[in-house]
Amino acid sequence: MNTYKGDIIEESLSDKDILKDINIISTRVEKVTKEHQTPWLSQWTLDTIEVNDSQSDNLAKSLSKALDSKHGWYIDYRNDKYHYVIFKNRVFKLDRSKKSDYEKMIKYGLSVGTPDYQLPNFSNLPIDVLDTFLREANLNTYANENVKRVSSLRPGSNDYHFKKGDLTYHDTYFGATKFIGEEIVYKGSKATWGMNYYGFTVSNQISESLFDAILRPALMAGSGDNIPVRGPKEFINGKWKYTFKADGDLANFTGIEEVSKNGKVISRLYCHGGFIE
């Protein structure tokens, strides 16, 4: 059974009763910022859903009727082959291999007031494929102390590689307790996605070996329901606490990571990234 996965913003629905019949696998509340272009809301409730192939068409029609008619809301869910994008009284079932399908949907979305940046775009590297790949890459590079670095590509750099299929992940950074780096994902020979980061220890008493001993277990815990660019939202190990807060999605995001000891921050990292065109 080819399952679809997607998201519903509860505030986009005029009839929330429909949620009772949907398989919701996680829920999170996000603060709305100016960039969201939804000034009538201070926050929204985001449900991640799974939809069976046999239910996908009928659910799309029902959701289309349940959507609020204002503000150009849409709901979407996708599998490896198809992508449903659902507006009020209009359903698009897109072939994920056809850019023309996405162009028609985007034209309609703009006509009903959906902000351009919110509309899903055609990509040779879909976000769900990238998400799965990054989760595996993260556990097979720096975070994993058993994985060895590869040869430096630039003087003084520390480098890691991970490859699966036609996707290659490369992480290169400089420094130890004050470090700067970049991660790039290639599809074939083309750089398709990337992230820049800068991290530093607040206390000079924190050594590189101690920093690694704290940070690596948090990163090896996985991203959980965070976007897979660092660690989980929270990880606690005795007196140590790790947090990572991200805004946006893999297409365009910023994030802040902190490690604390007994409630006092001892390191901080800033990152941002997204697709490369």
C-alpha atoms as a PDB file:
ATOM      1  CA  MET A   1       0.000   0.000   0.000  1.00  0.00           C
ATOM      2  CA  ASN A   2       1.504   3.328  -1.119  1.00  0.00           C
ATOM      3  CA  THR A   3       0.837   5.646   1.824  1.00  0.00           C
ATOM      4  CA  TYR A   4       0.622   9.411   1.463  1.00  0.00           C
ATOM      5  CA  LYS A   5       2.031  11.787   4.057  1.00  0.00           C
ATOM      6  CA  GLY A   6       1.310  15.477   4.509  1.00  0.00           C
ATOM      7  CA  ASP A   7       0.209  18.324   6.757  1.00  0.00           C
ATOM      8  CA  ILE A   8      -2.981  20.083   7.784  1.00  0.00           C
ATOM      9  CA  ILE A   9      -3.104  23.444   9.533  1.00  0.00           C
ATOM     10  CA  GLU A  10      -6.145  23.103  11.773  1.00  0.00           C
ATOM     11  CA  GLU A  11      -6.862  26.835  11.601  1.00  0.00           C
ATOM     12  CA  SER A  12      -7.382  26.474   7.829  1.00  0.00           C
ATOM     13  CA  LEU A  13     -10.518  24.381   8.350  1.00  0.00           C
ATOM     14  CA  SER A  14     -14.024  25.761   8.694  1.00  0.00           C
ATOM     15  CA  ASP A  15     -15.174  22.261   9.696  1.00  0.00           C
ATOM     16  CA  LYS A  16     -12.711  20.568  12.075  1.00  0.00           C
ATOM     17  CA  ASP A  17     -14.923  17.495  12.560  1.00  0.00           C
ATOM     18  CA  ILE A  18     -13.226  15.983   9.517  1.00  0.00           C
ATOM     19  CA  LEU A  19     -10.070  15.509  11.611  1.00  0.00           C
ATOM     20  CA  LYS A  20     -11.804  12.704  13.540  1.00  0.00           C
ATOM     21  CA  ASP A  21     -11.586  10.468  10.486  1.00  0.00           C
ATOM     22  CA  ILE A  22      -7.947  11.206   9.619  1.00  0.00           C
ATOM     23  CA  ASN A  23      -4.854   9.355  10.811  1.00  0.00           C
ATOM     24  CA  ILE A  24      -2.899  12.111  12.598  1.00  0.00           C
ATOM     25  CA  ILE A  25       0.593  10.871  13.507  1.00  0.00           C
ATOM     26  CA  SER A  26       1.886  14.040  15.203  1.00  0.00           C
ATOM     27  CA  THR A  27       0.767  17.551  16.147  1.00  0.00           C
ATOM     28  CA  ARG A  28       2.786  20.654  16.876  1.00  0.00           C
ATOM     29  CA  VAL A  29       1.961  24.301  17.531  1.00  0.00           C
ATOM     30  CA  GLU A  30       4.045  26.909  15.716  1.00  0.00           C
ATOM     31  CA  LYS A  31       4.326  30.616  16.413  1.00  0.00           C
ATOM     32  CA  VAL A  32       3.352  32.696  13.400  1.00  0.00           C
ATOM     33  CA  THR A  33       5.903  35.286  12.275  1.00  0.00           C
ATOM     34  CA  LYS A  34       5.714  38.150   9.802  1.00  0.00           C
ATOM     35  CA  GLU A  35       7.259  35.913   7.136  1.00  0.00           C
ATOM     36  CA  HIS A  36       4.245  33.561   7.275  1.00  0.00           C
ATOM     37  CA  GLN A  37       2.040  36.374   5.876  1.00  0.00           C
ATOM     38  CA  THR A  38      -0.882  35.319   8.095  1.00  0.00           C
ATOM     39  CA  PRO A  39      -1.333  38.355  10.387  1.00  0.00           C
ATOM     40  CA  TRP A  40      -4.808  37.222  11.498  1.00  0.00           C
ATOM     41  CA  LEU A  41      -3.144  34.373  13.480  1.00  0.00           C
ATOM     42  CA  SER A  42      -0.615  34.423  16.329  1.00  0.00           C
ATOM     43  CA  GLN A  43       0.038  30.674  16.045  1.00  0.00           C
ATOM     44  CA  TRP A  44      -1.193  27.661  14.158  1.00  0.00           C
ATOM     45  CA  THR A  45      -1.651  23.959  14.866  1.00  0.00           C
ATOM     46  CA  LEU A  46       0.084  21.675  12.377  1.00  0.00           C
ATOM     47  CA  ASP A  47      -1.066  18.048  12.086  1.00  0.00           C
ATOM     48  CA  THR A  48       1.100  15.566  10.200  1.00  0.00           C
ATOM     49  CA  ILE A  49      -1.139  12.963   8.591  1.00  0.00           C
ATOM     50  CA  GLU A  50      -0.931   9.616   6.828  1.00  0.00           C
ATOM     51  CA  VAL A  51      -3.433   8.674   4.137  1.00  0.00           C
ATOM     52  CA  ASN A  52      -3.934   5.248   2.548  1.00  0.00           C
ATOM     53  CA  ASP A  53      -3.906   5.125  -1.231  1.00  0.00           C
ATOM     54  CA  SER A  54      -7.466   3.786  -1.274  1.00  0.00           C
ATOM     55  CA  GLN A  55      -8.687   6.846   0.685  1.00  0.00           C
ATOM     56  CA  SER A  56      -6.657   9.557  -1.037  1.00  0.00           C
ATOM     57  CA  ASP A  57      -9.195  10.698  -3.651  1.00  0.00           C
ATOM     58  CA  ASN A  58     -12.243  10.780  -1.376  1.00  0.00           C
ATOM     59  CA  LEU A  59     -10.376  12.487   1.447  1.00  0.00           C
ATOM     60  CA  ALA A  60      -9.110  15.172  -0.928  1.00  0.00           C
ATOM     61  CA  LYS A  61     -12.676  15.965  -1.979  1.00  0.00           C
ATOM     62  CA  SER A  62     -13.859  16.086   1.650  1.00  0.00           C
ATOM     63  CA  LEU A  63     -10.986  18.326   2.729  1.00  0.00           C
ATOM     64  CA  SER A  64     -11.662  20.650  -0.171  1.00  0.00           C
ATOM     65  CA  LYS A  65     -15.178  21.210   1.152  1.00  0.00           C
ATOM     66  CA  ALA A  66     -13.985  21.596   4.764  1.00  0.00           C
ATOM     67  CA  LEU A  67     -11.393  24.303   4.043  1.00  0.00           C
ATOM     68  CA  ASP A  68     -12.034  27.905   5.043  1.00  0.00           C
ATOM     69  CA  SER A  69     -12.878  29.916   1.931  1.00  0.00           C
ATOM     70  CA  LYS A  70     -10.727  32.878   3.026  1.00  0.00           C
ATOM     71  CA  HIS A  71      -6.981  33.528   2.729  1.00  0.00           C
ATOM     72  CA  GLY A  72      -6.096  30.949   0.046  1.00  0.00           C
ATOM     73  CA  TRP A  73      -5.515  28.038   2.409  1.00  0.00           C
ATOM     74  CA  TYR A  74      -4.472  24.676   1.009  1.00  0.00           C
ATOM     75  CA  ILE A  75      -3.675  21.182   2.311  1.00  0.00           C
ATOM     76  CA  ASP A  76      -1.262  18.759   0.712  1.00  0.00           C
ATOM     77  CA  TYR A  77      -0.102  15.160   1.000  1.00  0.00           C
ATOM     78  CA  ARG A  78       2.174  13.092  -1.221  1.00  0.00           C
ATOM     79  CA  ASN A  79       3.745   9.727  -1.891  1.00  0.00           C
ATOM     80  CA  ASP A  80       6.619   8.827  -4.202  1.00  0.00           C
ATOM     81  CA  LYS A  81       4.540   9.295  -7.359  1.00  0.00           C
ATOM     82  CA  TYR A  82       1.674  11.721  -6.708  1.00  0.00           C
ATOM     83  CA  HIS A  83       1.148  14.944  -4.789  1.00  0.00           C
ATOM     84  CA  TYR A  84      -2.334  16.140  -3.802  1.00  0.00           C
ATOM     85  CA  VAL A  85      -2.669  19.917  -3.363  1.00  0.00           C
ATOM     86  CA  ILE A  86      -6.136  20.778  -2.095  1.00  0.00           C
ATOM     87  CA  PHE A  87      -7.739  24.221  -2.192  1.00  0.00           C
ATOM     88  CA  LYS A  88     -11.297  25.234  -1.365  1.00  0.00           C
ATOM     89  CA  ASN A  89     -13.469  23.467  -3.957  1.00  0.00           C
ATOM     90  CA  ARG A  90     -10.446  22.575  -6.115  1.00  0.00           C
ATOM     91  CA  VAL A  91      -8.202  19.500  -5.982  1.00  0.00           C
ATOM     92  CA  PHE A  92      -4.942  19.030  -7.887  1.00  0.00           C
ATOM     93  CA  LYS A  93      -3.462  15.534  -8.162  1.00  0.00           C
ATOM     94  CA  LEU A  94       0.041  16.245  -9.417  1.00  0.00           C
ATOM     95  CA  ASP A  95       2.410  13.832 -11.101  1.00  0.00           C
ATOM     96  CA  ARG A  96       5.623  14.509  -9.188  1.00  0.00           C
ATOM     97  CA  SER A  97       7.706  13.936 -12.322  1.00  0.00           C
ATOM     98  CA  LYS A  98       5.925  16.698 -14.301  1.00  0.00           C
ATOM     99  CA  LYS A  99       6.911  20.307 -13.746  1.00  0.00           C
ATOM    100  CA  SER A 100       3.923  21.430 -15.841  1.00  0.00           C
ATOM    101  CA  ASP A 101       1.513  19.968 -13.262  1.00  0.00           C
ATOM    102  CA  TYR A 102       3.066  22.161 -10.566  1.00  0.00           C
ATOM    103  CA  GLU A 103       2.989  25.251 -12.768  1.00  0.00           C
ATOM    104  CA  LYS A 104      -0.789  24.912 -13.231  1.00  0.00           C
ATOM    105  CA  MET A 105      -1.339  24.450  -9.485  1.00  0.00           C
ATOM    106  CA  ILE A 106       0.866  27.435  -8.593  1.00  0.00           C
ATOM    107  CA  LYS A 107      -0.972  29.657 -11.065  1.00  0.00           C
ATOM    108  CA  TYR A 108      -4.274  28.731  -9.428  1.00  0.00           C
ATOM    109  CA  GLY A 109      -2.921  29.132  -5.889  1.00  0.00           C
ATOM    110  CA  LEU A 110      -1.702  32.645  -6.618  1.00  0.00           C
ATOM    111  CA  SER A 111      -5.087  33.509  -8.120  1.00  0.00           C
ATOM    112  CA  VAL A 112      -6.864  32.652  -4.835  1.00  0.00           C
ATOM    113  CA  GLY A 113      -4.408  34.565  -2.644  1.00  0.00           C
ATOM    114  CA  THR A 114      -1.956  31.902  -1.466  1.00  0.00           C
ATOM    115  CA  PRO A 115       1.468  33.511  -0.802  1.00  0.00           C
ATOM    116  CA  ASP A 116       3.985  32.432  -3.422  1.00  0.00           C
ATOM    117  CA  TYR A 117       6.551  31.156  -0.912  1.00  0.00           C
ATOM    118  CA  GLN A 118       3.988  28.847   0.730  1.00  0.00           C
ATOM    119  CA  LEU A 119       3.053  26.978  -2.437  1.00  0.00           C
ATOM    120  CA  PRO A 120       4.798  23.632  -3.023  1.00  0.00           C
ATOM    121  CA  ASN A 121       7.190  23.680  -5.948  1.00  0.00           C
ATOM    122  CA  PHE A 122       8.373  21.061  -8.379  1.00  0.00           C
ATOM    123  CA  SER A 123      11.755  19.687  -7.387  1.00  0.00           C
ATOM    124  CA  ASN A 124      14.126  17.067  -8.700  1.00  0.00           C
ATOM    125  CA  LEU A 125      14.794  16.468  -4.999  1.00  0.00           C
ATOM    126  CA  PRO A 126      11.427  16.388  -3.156  1.00  0.00           C
ATOM    127  CA  ILE A 127      11.529  17.455   0.497  1.00  0.00           C
ATOM    128  CA  ASP A 128      10.338  14.063   1.763  1.00  0.00           C
ATOM    129  CA  VAL A 129      13.132  12.296  -0.132  1.00  0.00           C
ATOM    130  CA  LEU A 130      15.667  14.824   1.201  1.00  0.00           C
ATOM    131  CA  ASP A 131      14.282  14.420   4.733  1.00  0.00           C
ATOM    132  CA  THR A 132      14.792  10.639   4.690  1.00  0.00           C
ATOM    133  CA  PHE A 133      18.276  10.958   3.212  1.00  0.00           C
ATOM    134  CA  LEU A 134      19.451  13.591   5.718  1.00  0.00           C
ATOM    135  CA  ARG A 135      18.267  11.552   8.692  1.00  0.00           C
ATOM    136  CA  GLU A 136      20.456   8.668   7.516  1.00  0.00           C
ATOM    137  CA  ALA A 137      23.379  10.909   6.565  1.00  0.00           C
ATOM    138  CA  ASN A 138      23.372  12.625   9.963  1.00  0.00           C
ATOM    139  CA  LEU A 139      23.751   9.283  11.758  1.00  0.00           C
ATOM    140  CA  ASN A 140      26.623   8.222   9.513  1.00  0.00           C
ATOM    141  CA  THR A 141      28.885  11.276   9.648  1.00  0.00           C
ATOM    142  CA  TYR A 142      30.082  13.620  12.439  1.00  0.00           C
ATOM    143  CA  ALA A 143      27.501  12.562  15.050  1.00  0.00           C
ATOM    144  CA  ASN A 144      28.728   8.960  14.904  1.00  0.00           C
ATOM    145  CA  GLU A 145      32.089   8.703  16.685  1.00  0.00           C
ATOM    146  CA  ASN A 146      32.785   5.409  14.889  1.00  0.00           C
ATOM    147  CA  VAL A 147      32.733   7.094  11.474  1.00  0.00           C
ATOM    148  CA  LYS A 148      36.114   8.380  10.288  1.00  0.00           C
ATOM    149  CA  ARG A 149      36.674  11.668   8.536  1.00  0.00           C
ATOM    150  CA  VAL A 150      37.655  11.642   4.872  1.00  0.00           C
ATOM    151  CA  SER A 151      40.598  13.504   3.365  1.00  0.00           C
ATOM    152  CA  SER A 152      40.414  17.286   3.723  1.00  0.00           C
ATOM    153  CA  LEU A 153      39.323  19.107   0.594  1.00  0.00           C
ATOM    154  CA  ARG A 154      40.686  22.443   1.838  1.00  0.00           C
ATOM    155  CA  PRO A 155      43.660  23.242   4.082  1.00  0.00           C
ATOM    156  CA  GLY A 156      42.665  22.758   7.712  1.00  0.00           C
ATOM    157  CA  SER A 157      39.141  21.460   7.058  1.00  0.00           C
ATOM    158  CA  ASN A 158      37.429  18.464   8.659  1.00  0.00           C
ATOM    159  CA  ASP A 159      35.351  16.526   6.155  1.00  0.00           C
ATOM    160  CA  TYR A 160      32.686  13.824   6.135  1.00  0.00           C
ATOM    161  CA  HIS A 161      30.925  12.132   3.211  1.00  0.00           C
ATOM    162  CA  PHE A 162      27.836   9.952   2.912  1.00  0.00           C
ATOM    163  CA  LYS A 163      26.410   8.596  -0.339  1.00  0.00           C
ATOM    164  CA  LYS A 164      23.257   6.662  -1.149  1.00  0.00           C
ATOM    165  CA  GLY A 165      21.913   6.179  -4.647  1.00  0.00           C
ATOM    166  CA  ASP A 166      22.316   9.396  -6.619  1.00  0.00           C
ATOM    167  CA  LEU A 167      22.467  11.563  -3.466  1.00  0.00           C
ATOM    168  CA  THR A 168      25.741  12.588  -1.796  1.00  0.00           C
ATOM    169  CA  TYR A 169      26.091  14.473   1.483  1.00  0.00           C
ATOM    170  CA  HIS A 170      29.244  16.448   2.241  1.00  0.00           C
ATOM    171  CA  ASP A 171      30.009  18.220   5.521  1.00  0.00           C
ATOM    172  CA  THR A 172      33.120  20.364   5.873  1.00  0.00           C
ATOM    173  CA  TYR A 173      34.012  22.524   8.859  1.00  0.00           C
ATOM    174  CA  PHE A 174      36.892  24.428  10.448  1.00  0.00           C
ATOM    175  CA  GLY A 175      37.700  24.844  14.135  1.00  0.00           C
ATOM    176  CA  ALA A 176      36.832  22.982  17.318  1.00  0.00           C
ATOM    177  CA  THR A 177      35.279  24.947  20.171  1.00  0.00           C
ATOM    178  CA  LYS A 178      34.686  27.827  17.755  1.00  0.00           C
ATOM    179  CA  PHE A 179      33.793  26.349  14.388  1.00  0.00           C
ATOM    180  CA  ILE A 180      32.193  27.205  11.079  1.00  0.00           C
ATOM    181  CA  GLY A 181      31.006  24.848   8.414  1.00  0.00           C
ATOM    182  CA  GLU A 182      28.799  23.943   5.500  1.00  0.00           C
ATOM    183  CA  GLU A 183      26.764  20.919   4.483  1.00  0.00           C
ATOM    184  CA  ILE A 184      25.854  20.276   0.847  1.00  0.00           C
ATOM    185  CA  VAL A 185      23.653  17.604  -0.714  1.00  0.00           C
ATOM    186  CA  TYR A 186      24.370  16.752  -4.340  1.00  0.00           C
ATOM    187  CA  LYS A 187      21.929  15.021  -6.660  1.00  0.00           C
ATOM    188  CA  GLY A 188      24.255  13.487  -9.185  1.00  0.00           C
ATOM    189  CA  SER A 189      26.893  16.165  -9.721  1.00  0.00           C
ATOM    190  CA  LYS A 190      24.630  19.132  -8.957  1.00  0.00           C
ATOM    191  CA  ALA A 191      24.592  20.898  -5.570  1.00  0.00           C
ATOM    192  CA  THR A 192      20.886  20.915  -4.692  1.00  0.00           C
ATOM    193  CA  TRP A 193      20.568  21.704  -0.970  1.00  0.00           C
ATOM    194  CA  GLY A 194      22.831  23.234   1.659  1.00  0.00           C
ATOM    195  CA  MET A 195      23.241  24.548   5.194  1.00  0.00           C
ATOM    196  CA  ASN A 196      25.746  26.955   6.775  1.00  0.00           C
ATOM    197  CA  TYR A 197      26.478  26.911  10.502  1.00  0.00           C
ATOM    198  CA  TYR A 198      28.606  28.634  13.125  1.00  0.00           C
ATOM    199  CA  GLY A 199      29.014  27.301  16.654  1.00  0.00           C
ATOM    200  CA  PHE A 200      31.005  28.314  19.705  1.00  0.00           C
ATOM    201  CA  THR A 201      31.490  27.471  23.358  1.00  0.00           C
ATOM    202  CA  VAL A 202      30.583  30.200  25.831  1.00  0.00           C
ATOM    203  CA  SER A 203      33.046  28.897  28.431  1.00  0.00           C
ATOM    204  CA  ASN A 204      36.793  28.616  27.726  1.00  0.00           C
ATOM    205  CA  GLN A 205      36.876  25.705  30.186  1.00  0.00           C
ATOM    206  CA  ILE A 206      35.042  23.437  27.719  1.00  0.00           C
ATOM    207  CA  SER A 207      37.534  21.359  25.720  1.00  0.00           C
ATOM    208  CA  GLU A 208      36.973  19.906  22.262  1.00  0.00           C
ATOM    209  CA  SER A 209      36.838  16.334  23.611  1.00  0.00           C
ATOM    210  CA  LEU A 210      34.262  17.242  26.281  1.00  0.00           C
ATOM    211  CA  PHE A 211      32.228  19.196  23.742  1.00  0.00           C
ATOM    212  CA  ASP A 212      32.143  16.172  21.423  1.00  0.00           C
ATOM    213  CA  ALA A 213      31.146  13.900  24.309  1.00  0.00           C
ATOM    214  CA  ILE A 214      28.139  16.098  25.025  1.00  0.00           C
ATOM    215  CA  LEU A 215      27.072  17.011  21.501  1.00  0.00           C
ATOM    216  CA  ARG A 216      27.463  13.707  19.673  1.00  0.00           C
ATOM    217  CA  PRO A 217      24.996  11.710  21.836  1.00  0.00           C
ATOM    218  CA  ALA A 218      22.385  14.433  21.334  1.00  0.00           C
ATOM    219  CA  LEU A 219      22.839  14.350  17.554  1.00  0.00           C
ATOM    220  CA  MET A 220      22.841  10.537  17.509  1.00  0.00           C
ATOM    221  CA  ALA A 221      19.453  10.629  19.250  1.00  0.00           C
ATOM    222  CA  GLY A 222      18.075  11.739  15.875  1.00  0.00           C
ATOM    223  CA  SER A 223      16.012  14.748  14.857  1.00  0.00           C
ATOM    224  CA  GLY A 224      12.666  13.393  16.054  1.00  0.00           C
ATOM    225  CA  ASP A 225       9.918  15.684  14.761  1.00  0.00           C
ATOM    226  CA  ASN A 226      12.434  18.458  14.068  1.00  0.00           C
ATOM    227  CA  ILE A 227      13.635  19.049  10.531  1.00  0.00           C
ATOM    228  CA  PRO A 228      16.701  16.770  10.166  1.00  0.00           C
ATOM    229  CA  VAL A 229      19.505  19.332  10.180  1.00  0.00           C
ATOM    230  CA  ARG A 230      20.762  18.972  13.777  1.00  0.00           C
ATOM    231  CA  GLY A 231      19.326  17.114  16.782  1.00  0.00           C
ATOM    232  CA  PRO A 232      15.961  16.753  18.532  1.00  0.00           C
ATOM    233  CA  LYS A 233      14.037  19.583  20.120  1.00  0.00           C
ATOM    234  CA  GLU A 234      15.361  18.456  23.502  1.00  0.00           C
ATOM    235  CA  PHE A 235      17.826  15.856  24.782  1.00  0.00           C
ATOM    236  CA  ILE A 236      18.802  15.483  28.453  1.00  0.00           C
ATOM    237  CA  ASN A 237      21.752  13.486  29.759  1.00  0.00           C
ATOM    238  CA  GLY A 238      22.292  13.984  33.499  1.00  0.00           C
ATOM    239  CA  LYS A 239      23.337  17.571  34.148  1.00  0.00           C
ATOM    240  CA  TRP A 240      23.517  18.278  30.414  1.00  0.00           C
ATOM    241  CA  LYS A 241      20.647  19.536  28.257  1.00  0.00           C
ATOM    242  CA  TYR A 242      20.569  19.930  24.477  1.00  0.00           C
ATOM    243  CA  THR A 243      17.932  21.971  22.596  1.00  0.00           C
ATOM    244  CA  PHE A 244      17.448  22.829  18.935  1.00  0.00           C
ATOM    245  CA  LYS A 245      14.752  25.197  17.656  1.00  0.00           C
ATOM    246  CA  ALA A 246      14.145  25.529  13.934  1.00  0.00           C
ATOM    247  CA  ASP A 247      11.894  27.899  11.998  1.00  0.00           C
ATOM    248  CA  GLY A 248      10.773  26.973   8.488  1.00  0.00           C
ATOM    249  CA  ASP A 249      11.284  23.709   6.638  1.00  0.00           C
ATOM    250  CA  LEU A 250      14.067  22.104   4.630  1.00  0.00           C
ATOM    251  CA  ALA A 251      13.311  24.403   1.699  1.00  0.00           C
ATOM    252  CA  ASN A 252      14.204  27.503   3.741  1.00  0.00           C
ATOM    253  CA  PHE A 253      15.033  27.485   7.461  1.00  0.00           C
ATOM    254  CA  THR A 254      16.959  29.028  10.350  1.00  0.00           C
ATOM    255  CA  GLY A 255      17.871  27.345  13.618  1.00  0.00           C
ATOM    256  CA  ILE A 256      19.465  27.827  17.040  1.00  0.00           C
ATOM    257  CA  GLU A 257      21.125  25.023  18.996  1.00  0.00           C
ATOM    258  CA  GLU A 258      22.160  25.267  22.650  1.00  0.00           C
ATOM    259  CA  VAL A 259      23.909  22.952  25.101  1.00  0.00           C
ATOM    260  CA  SER A 260      23.497  23.712  28.820  1.00  0.00           C
ATOM    261  CA  LYS A 261      25.050  22.366  32.001  1.00  0.00           C
ATOM    262  CA  ASN A 262      23.056  22.713  35.222  1.00  0.00           C
ATOM    263  CA  GLY A 263      20.855  25.288  33.482  1.00  0.00           C
ATOM    264  CA  LYS A 264      23.767  27.427  32.236  1.00  0.00           C
ATOM    265  CA  VAL A 265      24.381  27.658  28.474  1.00  0.00           C
ATOM    266  CA  ILE A 266      27.869  26.474  27.570  1.00  0.00           C
ATOM    267  CA  SER A 267      27.593  26.414  23.758  1.00  0.00           C
ATOM    268  CA  ARG A 268      25.452  27.834  20.992  1.00  0.00           C
ATOM    269  CA  LEU A 269      25.131  27.250  17.250  1.00  0.00           C
ATOM    270  CA  TYR A 270      23.333  29.232  14.549  1.00  0.00           C
ATOM    271  CA  CYS A 271      22.419  27.706  11.198  1.00  0.00           C
ATOM    272  CA  HIS A 272      20.408  28.444   8.082  1.00  0.00           C
ATOM    273  CA  GLY A 273      19.888  26.808   4.733  1.00  0.00           C
ATOM    274  CA  GLY A 274      17.605  25.526   2.008  1.00  0.00           C
ATOM    275  CA  PHE A 275      17.460  24.519  -1.633  1.00  0.00           C
ATOM    276  CA  ILE A 276      20.064  25.752  -4.091  1.00  0.00           C
ATOM    277  CA  GLU A 277      19.002  26.838  -7.578  1.00  0.00           C
END
